[in-house]
C-alpha atoms as a PDB file:
ATOM      1  CA  MET A   1     -39.910  57.287  26.346  1.00  0.00           C
ATOM      2  CA  THR A   2     -38.002  54.082  26.151  1.00  0.00           C
ATOM      3  CA  LYS A   3     -34.800  54.364  24.429  1.00  0.00           C
ATOM      4  CA  ILE A   4     -32.989  51.133  23.150  1.00  0.00           C
ATOM      5  CA  ALA A   5     -29.564  50.834  20.936  1.00  0.00           C
ATOM      6  CA  ILE A   6     -28.579  48.061  19.118  1.00  0.00           C
ATOM      7  CA  VAL A   7     -25.264  48.047  18.387  1.00  0.00           C
ATOM      8  CA  TYR A   8     -23.925  45.161  16.103  1.00  0.00           C
ATOM      9  CA  HIS A   9     -21.644  44.319  13.350  1.00  0.00           C
ATOM     10  CA  SER A  10     -22.425  42.491   9.950  1.00  0.00           C
ATOM     11  CA  GLY A  11     -19.563  41.094   7.506  1.00  0.00           C
ATOM     12  CA  TYR A  12     -22.185  40.530   5.006  1.00  0.00           C
ATOM     13  CA  GLY A  13     -25.622  42.158   5.650  1.00  0.00           C
ATOM     14  CA  HIS A  14     -27.461  39.063   7.297  1.00  0.00           C
ATOM     15  CA  THR A  15     -26.861  40.154  10.822  1.00  0.00           C
ATOM     16  CA  ALA A  16     -27.608  43.734   9.512  1.00  0.00           C
ATOM     17  CA  ARG A  17     -31.119  42.495   8.559  1.00  0.00           C
ATOM     18  CA  VAL A  18     -31.597  40.784  11.823  1.00  0.00           C
ATOM     19  CA  ALA A  19     -30.795  44.076  13.825  1.00  0.00           C
ATOM     20  CA  GLU A  20     -33.561  45.822  11.386  1.00  0.00           C
ATOM     21  CA  HIS A  21     -36.148  42.842  12.243  1.00  0.00           C
ATOM     22  CA  VAL A  22     -35.264  43.319  16.407  1.00  0.00           C
ATOM     23  CA  GLN A  23     -35.802  47.113  15.794  1.00  0.00           C
ATOM     24  CA  LYS A  24     -39.021  46.500  14.209  1.00  0.00           C
ATOM     25  CA  GLY A  25     -40.320  44.639  17.104  1.00  0.00           C
ATOM     26  CA  ALA A  26     -39.020  46.629  19.811  1.00  0.00           C
ATOM     27  CA  VAL A  27     -40.498  49.943  18.012  1.00  0.00           C
ATOM     28  CA  SER A  28     -43.835  48.174  17.784  1.00  0.00           C
ATOM     29  CA  THR A  29     -44.089  48.632  21.520  1.00  0.00           C
ATOM     30  CA  GLY A  30     -43.427  52.170  21.186  1.00  0.00           C
ATOM     31  CA  ALA A  31     -39.881  52.527  22.303  1.00  0.00           C
ATOM     32  CA  SER A  32     -37.072  54.418  20.417  1.00  0.00           C
ATOM     33  CA  VAL A  33     -34.612  52.263  18.846  1.00  0.00           C
ATOM     34  CA  ASP A  34     -31.343  53.583  17.283  1.00  0.00           C
ATOM     35  CA  LEU A  35     -29.217  51.014  15.170  1.00  0.00           C
ATOM     36  CA  VAL A  36     -25.490  51.650  15.785  1.00  0.00           C
ATOM     37  CA  ALA A  37     -23.652  49.718  13.296  1.00  0.00           C
ATOM     38  CA  ILE A  38     -20.120  48.726  13.628  1.00  0.00           C
ATOM     39  CA  ASP A  39     -18.111  49.435  10.609  1.00  0.00           C
ATOM     40  CA  ALA A  40     -15.720  47.181   8.623  1.00  0.00           C
ATOM     41  CA  GLU A  41     -12.838  48.441  10.845  1.00  0.00           C
ATOM     42  CA  GLY A  42     -14.423  47.879  14.045  1.00  0.00           C
ATOM     43  CA  ASN A  43     -15.213  51.532  14.737  1.00  0.00           C
ATOM     44  CA  LEU A  44     -18.708  53.224  15.841  1.00  0.00           C
ATOM     45  CA  PRO A  45     -20.026  56.353  14.158  1.00  0.00           C
ATOM     46  CA  GLU A  46     -19.171  59.210  15.515  1.00  0.00           C
ATOM     47  CA  ALA A  47     -22.358  59.756  17.873  1.00  0.00           C
ATOM     48  CA  GLY A  48     -22.481  55.745  18.306  1.00  0.00           C
ATOM     49  CA  TRP A  49     -21.052  55.732  22.262  1.00  0.00           C
ATOM     50  CA  GLU A  50     -23.321  58.747  22.999  1.00  0.00           C
ATOM     51  CA  THR A  51     -26.017  56.979  21.613  1.00  0.00           C
ATOM     52  CA  LEU A  52     -25.214  53.968  23.851  1.00  0.00           C
ATOM     53  CA  LYS A  53     -24.889  56.011  27.147  1.00  0.00           C
ATOM     54  CA  ALA A  54     -28.238  57.550  26.452  1.00  0.00           C
ATOM     55  CA  ALA A  55     -30.083  54.429  26.040  1.00  0.00           C
ATOM     56  CA  ASP A  56     -31.892  52.618  28.709  1.00  0.00           C
ATOM     57  CA  GLY A  57     -31.126  49.071  27.072  1.00  0.00           C
ATOM     58  CA  ILE A  58     -28.331  48.183  24.546  1.00  0.00           C
ATOM     59  CA  ILE A  59     -29.057  44.879  22.462  1.00  0.00           C
ATOM     60  CA  PHE A  60     -25.367  43.166  21.094  1.00  0.00           C
ATOM     61  CA  GLY A  61     -25.388  41.617  17.704  1.00  0.00           C
ATOM     62  CA  SER A  62     -22.674  39.993  15.876  1.00  0.00           C
ATOM     63  CA  PRO A  63     -22.239  37.264  13.352  1.00  0.00           C
ATOM     64  CA  THR A  64     -20.623  34.266  14.783  1.00  0.00           C
ATOM     65  CA  TYR A  65     -17.157  33.585  13.127  1.00  0.00           C
ATOM     66  CA  MET A  66     -15.039  30.513  14.103  1.00  0.00           C
ATOM     67  CA  GLY A  67     -17.179  30.315  17.336  1.00  0.00           C
ATOM     68  CA  MET A  68     -17.039  33.967  18.734  1.00  0.00           C
ATOM     69  CA  VAL A  69     -17.941  37.456  17.782  1.00  0.00           C
ATOM     70  CA  SER A  70     -16.557  38.932  14.750  1.00  0.00           C
ATOM     71  CA  TRP A  71     -13.285  40.996  15.320  1.00  0.00           C
ATOM     72  CA  GLN A  72     -14.946  43.814  14.231  1.00  0.00           C
ATOM     73  CA  PHE A  73     -17.179  43.282  17.595  1.00  0.00           C
ATOM     74  CA  LYS A  74     -14.587  42.348  19.523  1.00  0.00           C
ATOM     75  CA  LYS A  75     -12.525  45.759  18.870  1.00  0.00           C
ATOM     76  CA  PHE A  76     -15.607  47.626  19.978  1.00  0.00           C
ATOM     77  CA  ALA A  77     -15.913  45.606  23.012  1.00  0.00           C
ATOM     78  CA  ASP A  78     -12.500  46.173  23.938  1.00  0.00           C
ATOM     79  CA  ALA A  79     -13.252  49.906  23.548  1.00  0.00           C
ATOM     80  CA  SER A  80     -16.186  49.823  25.909  1.00  0.00           C
ATOM     81  CA  SER A  81     -13.637  49.560  28.564  1.00  0.00           C
ATOM     82  CA  LYS A  82     -13.949  53.636  28.944  1.00  0.00           C
ATOM     83  CA  PRO A  83     -17.641  53.330  29.660  1.00  0.00           C
ATOM     84  CA  TRP A  84     -16.624  50.034  31.894  1.00  0.00           C
ATOM     85  CA  TYR A  85     -14.455  52.441  34.093  1.00  0.00           C
ATOM     86  CA  THR A  86     -17.213  54.912  34.557  1.00  0.00           C
ATOM     87  CA  MET A  87     -20.185  52.469  34.852  1.00  0.00           C
ATOM     88  CA  ASP A  88     -21.942  54.392  31.883  1.00  0.00           C
ATOM     89  CA  TRP A  89     -24.075  50.906  31.204  1.00  0.00           C
ATOM     90  CA  LYS A  90     -24.540  50.174  34.733  1.00  0.00           C
ATOM     91  CA  GLY A  91     -28.154  48.984  35.599  1.00  0.00           C
ATOM     92  CA  LYS A  92     -29.244  49.411  31.558  1.00  0.00           C
ATOM     93  CA  VAL A  93     -30.663  46.000  30.202  1.00  0.00           C
ATOM     94  CA  ALA A  94     -28.906  43.998  27.870  1.00  0.00           C
ATOM     95  CA  ALA A  95     -29.708  41.197  25.488  1.00  0.00           C
ATOM     96  CA  GLY A  96     -27.822  39.855  22.762  1.00  0.00           C
ATOM     97  CA  PHE A  97     -28.158  37.925  19.109  1.00  0.00           C
ATOM     98  CA  THR A  98     -26.205  36.239  16.764  1.00  0.00           C
ATOM     99  CA  ASN A  99     -26.123  34.971  13.119  1.00  0.00           C
ATOM    100  CA  SER A 100     -24.113  32.110  11.503  1.00  0.00           C
ATOM    101  CA  ALA A 101     -24.433  29.885   8.518  1.00  0.00           C
ATOM    102  CA  THR A 102     -25.262  26.381  10.190  1.00  0.00           C
ATOM    103  CA  LEU A 103     -27.897  25.368  12.768  1.00  0.00           C
ATOM    104  CA  ASN A 104     -25.649  25.386  15.428  1.00  0.00           C
ATOM    105  CA  GLY A 105     -22.362  26.714  14.264  1.00  0.00           C
ATOM    106  CA  ASP A 106     -21.025  27.268  17.732  1.00  0.00           C
ATOM    107  CA  LYS A 107     -23.658  30.287  18.401  1.00  0.00           C
ATOM    108  CA  GLY A 108     -23.855  29.660  22.052  1.00  0.00           C
ATOM    109  CA  SER A 109     -20.370  30.543  22.428  1.00  0.00           C
ATOM    110  CA  THR A 110     -20.974  34.168  21.162  1.00  0.00           C
ATOM    111  CA  ILE A 111     -24.252  34.814  23.210  1.00  0.00           C
ATOM    112  CA  ALA A 112     -22.222  33.565  26.291  1.00  0.00           C
ATOM    113  CA  TYR A 113     -19.463  36.311  25.520  1.00  0.00           C
ATOM    114  CA  LEU A 114     -22.406  38.992  24.640  1.00  0.00           C
ATOM    115  CA  ALA A 115     -23.825  38.055  27.926  1.00  0.00           C
ATOM    116  CA  THR A 116     -20.515  38.286  29.995  1.00  0.00           C
ATOM    117  CA  LEU A 117     -19.799  41.776  28.363  1.00  0.00           C
ATOM    118  CA  ALA A 118     -22.903  42.757  30.026  1.00  0.00           C
ATOM    119  CA  ALA A 119     -22.013  41.537  33.163  1.00  0.00           C
ATOM    120  CA  GLN A 120     -18.783  42.930  33.439  1.00  0.00           C
ATOM    121  CA  HIS A 121     -20.663  46.339  32.485  1.00  0.00           C
ATOM    122  CA  LYS A 122     -23.403  45.548  35.489  1.00  0.00           C
ATOM    123  CA  MET A 123     -25.849  45.681  32.844  1.00  0.00           C
ATOM    124  CA  LEU A 124     -28.998  43.424  33.637  1.00  0.00           C
ATOM    125  CA  TRP A 125     -29.181  40.564  30.854  1.00  0.00           C
ATOM    126  CA  THR A 126     -32.490  39.258  29.454  1.00  0.00           C
ATOM    127  CA  GLY A 127     -32.826  36.453  27.241  1.00  0.00           C
ATOM    128  CA  SER A 128     -35.228  35.402  24.274  1.00  0.00           C
ATOM    129  CA  GLY A 129     -38.329  35.311  26.197  1.00  0.00           C
ATOM    130  CA  MET A 130     -39.810  32.567  24.425  1.00  0.00           C
ATOM    131  CA  HIS A 131     -39.852  28.609  24.305  1.00  0.00           C
ATOM    132  CA  PRO A 132     -38.598  27.064  21.262  1.00  0.00           C
ATOM    133  CA  SER A 133     -40.731  25.361  18.611  1.00  0.00           C
ATOM    134  CA  ASN A 134     -39.260  21.727  18.912  1.00  0.00           C
ATOM    135  CA  ALA A 135     -42.065  19.368  18.303  1.00  0.00           C
ATOM    136  CA  LYS A 136     -42.526  17.156  15.104  1.00  0.00           C
ATOM    137  CA  ALA A 137     -45.338  19.522  13.797  1.00  0.00           C
ATOM    138  CA  HIS A 138     -42.775  22.370  13.883  1.00  0.00           C
ATOM    139  CA  GLY A 139     -40.445  23.771  11.063  1.00  0.00           C
ATOM    140  CA  ARG A 140     -37.701  26.242  10.249  1.00  0.00           C
ATOM    141  CA  ASP A 141     -40.635  28.980  10.030  1.00  0.00           C
ATOM    142  CA  ASP A 142     -41.885  28.707  13.486  1.00  0.00           C
ATOM    143  CA  LEU A 143     -40.915  31.252  16.333  1.00  0.00           C
ATOM    144  CA  ASN A 144     -37.615  30.104  18.118  1.00  0.00           C
ATOM    145  CA  HIS A 145     -36.958  27.217  16.235  1.00  0.00           C
ATOM    146  CA  LEU A 146     -33.291  27.046  17.072  1.00  0.00           C
ATOM    147  CA  GLY A 147     -34.037  27.286  20.757  1.00  0.00           C
ATOM    148  CA  GLY A 148     -32.337  30.179  21.911  1.00  0.00           C
ATOM    149  CA  TYR A 149     -32.968  31.134  25.680  1.00  0.00           C
ATOM    150  CA  LEU A 150     -30.002  33.421  26.382  1.00  0.00           C
ATOM    151  CA  GLY A 151     -30.219  34.996  22.999  1.00  0.00           C
ATOM    152  CA  LEU A 152     -31.465  35.156  19.776  1.00  0.00           C
ATOM    153  CA  LEU A 153     -30.276  32.632  17.420  1.00  0.00           C
ATOM    154  CA  VAL A 154     -30.491  33.059  13.495  1.00  0.00           C
ATOM    155  CA  THR A 155     -28.999  30.777  10.600  1.00  0.00           C
ATOM    156  CA  SER A 156     -28.474  32.075   7.234  1.00  0.00           C
ATOM    157  CA  PRO A 157     -26.970  29.372   4.805  1.00  0.00           C
ATOM    158  CA  SER A 158     -23.588  30.488   3.451  1.00  0.00           C
ATOM    159  CA  ASP A 159     -24.628  30.525  -0.318  1.00  0.00           C
ATOM    160  CA  ALA A 160     -27.706  32.488   0.838  1.00  0.00           C
ATOM    161  CA  GLY A 161     -28.290  36.340   0.078  1.00  0.00           C
ATOM    162  CA  VAL A 162     -29.704  38.605   2.398  1.00  0.00           C
ATOM    163  CA  ASP A 163     -33.162  38.359   0.894  1.00  0.00           C
ATOM    164  CA  GLU A 164     -33.018  34.280   1.279  1.00  0.00           C
ATOM    165  CA  MET A 165     -32.743  34.542   4.844  1.00  0.00           C
ATOM    166  CA  VAL A 166     -35.561  32.302   6.764  1.00  0.00           C
ATOM    167  CA  ALA A 167     -38.954  33.855   7.552  1.00  0.00           C
ATOM    168  CA  GLY A 168     -39.134  32.271  10.764  1.00  0.00           C
ATOM    169  CA  ASP A 169     -35.757  33.527  11.912  1.00  0.00           C
ATOM    170  CA  LEU A 170     -36.648  36.908  10.884  1.00  0.00           C
ATOM    171  CA  LYS A 171     -40.192  36.438  12.896  1.00  0.00           C
ATOM    172  CA  THR A 172     -38.396  35.315  15.867  1.00  0.00           C
ATOM    173  CA  ALA A 173     -36.188  38.572  15.827  1.00  0.00           C
ATOM    174  CA  GLU A 174     -38.913  40.712  15.961  1.00  0.00           C
ATOM    175  CA  ALA A 175     -40.697  38.675  18.788  1.00  0.00           C
ATOM    176  CA  PHE A 176     -37.342  39.220  20.426  1.00  0.00           C
ATOM    177  CA  GLY A 177     -36.896  42.947  19.995  1.00  0.00           C
ATOM    178  CA  ARG A 178     -40.297  43.252  21.412  1.00  0.00           C
ATOM    179  CA  ASN A 179     -39.504  40.833  24.218  1.00  0.00           C
ATOM    180  CA  VAL A 180     -36.196  43.126  24.799  1.00  0.00           C
ATOM    181  CA  ALA A 181     -38.498  46.485  25.029  1.00  0.00           C
ATOM    182  CA  ASP A 182     -40.900  44.800  27.399  1.00  0.00           C
ATOM    183  CA  VAL A 183     -38.056  43.929  30.110  1.00  0.00           C
ATOM    184  CA  VAL A 184     -36.439  47.213  29.185  1.00  0.00           C
ATOM    185  CA  LYS A 185     -39.889  49.103  29.959  1.00  0.00           C
ATOM    186  CA  SER A 186     -40.562  47.219  33.026  1.00  0.00           C
ATOM    187  CA  VAL A 187     -37.100  47.926  34.381  1.00  0.00           C
ATOM    188  CA  LYS A 188     -37.418  51.382  33.725  1.00  0.00           C
ATOM    189  CA  GLY A 189     -40.489  51.702  35.420  1.00  0.00           C
END
């Protein structure tokens, strides 16, 4: 069975909800998907590192704070130098997602950082796998309305609760999860 781990930090619950929808999409392909939450102190749960090592693919997720991943995610990334040294993640498929309050919010910086992290680990990066919905007839509830190719982009208005997230972004998260799982399966053979 294809194993995927989604390792993410969520400051207010929005990014966690995105992770759950990515998981839902990946599970719909028959993959086994573990959520590995980075806590408020930037640490993984006890079995987190082993879960990542055992996965065929790893999806990174972080909110975009001040144009970059959260400090908690960065602490995790810095701690990943141990599996980097032993090349534990070499050859695994990697992908990433981010969420911020504005439509742009410099999310591209965060996605580029996640792709760089994957490259340093000698992982195989895959993007969103979908074209944007960018014609006049399209709106926020259409797939990939924010136009992410390199990774999944999500917007949660700063005054919106977790239950008020844009439905189209959550549908896009599920499609993203399906795409990543399909890529992992094709690489795994």
